[in-house]
Amino acid sequence: MDNEIQQSLANIAGGNHLLGSAGEFGLLLAFLHNSPNTRHDDGPAFSMSEITAMFRDKQLPEGWSTWKKTARDWIVHTSALAGSAGVALAKRKIFS
């Protein structure tokens, strides 16, 4: 990815809490996207045992260094999260 594009995305995400949060969760999902414990039947289904181990037990999943992690996965997950959150926020503002 072009450095200028990366910098622009970082600036946008840093200046907006919604995008920043989506970016953080996007990183988590990109990290776990290619885990052998992630199922891809109808969209990704992440392993709760891996997530629990990371947050509660402060342990990275076994074999984490062997699976692929990509900027593309981060962008895909972040975009999906930000888009869904943006739609929900817009609906909330319209109906409030």
Protein backbone atom coordinates (compact mmCIF):
# COMPACT_ATOMS: atom_id res chain seq x y z
CA MET A 1 0.00 0.00 0.00
CA ASP A 2 1.27 3.48 -0.88
CA ASN A 3 2.75 5.34 2.11
CA GLU A 4 0.62 8.42 1.36
CA ILE A 5 -2.56 6.33 1.45
CA GLN A 6 -1.49 4.72 4.73
CA GLN A 7 -0.81 8.14 6.24
CA SER A 8 -4.21 9.44 5.08
CA LEU A 9 -6.00 6.44 6.58
CA ALA A 10 -4.12 6.87 9.85
CA ASN A 11 -5.00 10.58 10.00
CA ILE A 12 -8.68 9.92 9.33
CA ALA A 13 -8.85 7.08 11.86
CA GLY A 14 -7.00 9.09 14.49
CA GLY A 15 -9.33 12.06 14.19
CA ASN A 16 -12.58 10.16 14.51
CA HIS A 17 -13.46 7.90 17.44
CA LEU A 18 -15.80 5.76 15.35
CA LEU A 19 -13.16 5.14 12.71
CA GLY A 20 -10.45 4.75 15.35
CA SER A 21 -12.42 2.07 17.16
CA ALA A 22 -13.24 0.34 13.88
CA GLY A 23 -9.54 0.44 13.04
CA GLU A 24 -8.57 -1.14 16.34
CA PHE A 25 -11.12 -3.93 16.02
CA GLY A 26 -10.14 -4.25 12.35
CA LEU A 27 -6.57 -4.96 13.48
CA LEU A 28 -7.79 -7.65 15.86
CA LEU A 29 -9.88 -9.26 13.14
CA ALA A 30 -7.07 -9.01 10.57
CA PHE A 31 -4.74 -10.66 13.11
CA LEU A 32 -7.17 -13.56 13.59
CA HIS A 33 -8.50 -13.75 10.01
CA ASN A 34 -6.13 -16.51 8.89
CA SER A 35 -5.95 -18.38 12.19
CA PRO A 36 -6.57 -22.10 11.71
CA ASN A 37 -9.37 -21.71 14.30
CA THR A 38 -11.25 -19.06 12.28
CA ARG A 39 -14.10 -20.52 10.26
CA HIS A 40 -15.06 -19.01 6.90
CA ASP A 41 -18.37 -20.75 6.18
CA ASP A 42 -20.56 -17.64 5.83
CA GLY A 43 -18.14 -14.84 6.60
CA PRO A 44 -15.45 -15.16 9.24
CA ALA A 45 -16.32 -16.67 12.63
CA PHE A 46 -13.50 -16.02 15.09
CA SER A 47 -12.49 -18.34 17.92
CA MET A 48 -13.73 -17.04 21.25
CA SER A 49 -11.08 -19.11 23.03
CA GLU A 50 -8.37 -17.22 21.12
CA ILE A 51 -9.96 -13.85 21.88
CA THR A 52 -10.44 -14.76 25.55
CA ALA A 53 -6.83 -15.92 25.84
CA MET A 54 -5.63 -12.63 24.35
CA PHE A 55 -7.67 -10.31 26.53
CA ARG A 56 -8.18 -12.18 29.78
CA ASP A 57 -5.03 -14.28 29.92
CA LYS A 58 -2.71 -11.92 27.96
CA GLN A 59 -1.62 -14.83 25.73
CA LEU A 60 -1.33 -14.80 21.96
CA PRO A 61 -2.90 -17.82 20.25
CA GLU A 62 -0.70 -20.83 19.66
CA GLY A 63 0.96 -20.65 16.26
CA TRP A 64 0.09 -16.97 15.74
CA SER A 65 3.45 -16.21 14.15
CA THR A 66 2.89 -18.78 11.40
CA TRP A 67 -0.33 -17.50 9.84
CA LYS A 68 -0.52 -14.67 7.33
CA LYS A 69 -1.60 -11.16 8.41
CA THR A 70 -2.28 -8.56 5.71
CA ALA A 71 -3.05 -4.88 5.39
CA ARG A 72 -5.84 -5.90 3.01
CA ASP A 73 -7.56 -7.88 5.78
CA TRP A 74 -7.25 -4.85 8.09
CA ILE A 75 -8.81 -2.56 5.46
CA VAL A 76 -11.63 -5.02 4.68
CA HIS A 77 -12.55 -5.56 8.35
CA THR A 78 -12.14 -1.89 9.30
CA SER A 79 -14.27 -0.74 6.36
CA ALA A 80 -17.01 -3.24 7.17
CA LEU A 81 -17.05 -2.25 10.85
CA ALA A 82 -16.95 1.49 10.15
CA GLY A 83 -19.67 1.19 7.51
CA SER A 84 -21.99 -0.79 9.75
CA ALA A 85 -21.38 1.54 12.69
CA GLY A 86 -21.92 4.59 10.49
CA VAL A 87 -25.24 3.27 9.24
CA ALA A 88 -26.37 2.44 12.79
CA LEU A 89 -25.30 5.88 14.01
CA ALA A 90 -27.12 7.60 11.15
CA LYS A 91 -30.32 5.64 11.88
CA ARG A 92 -30.04 6.51 15.55
CA LYS A 93 -29.72 10.22 14.79
CA ILE A 94 -32.62 10.12 12.34
CA PHE A 95 -34.96 8.38 14.78
CA SER A 96 -33.88 10.24 17.95
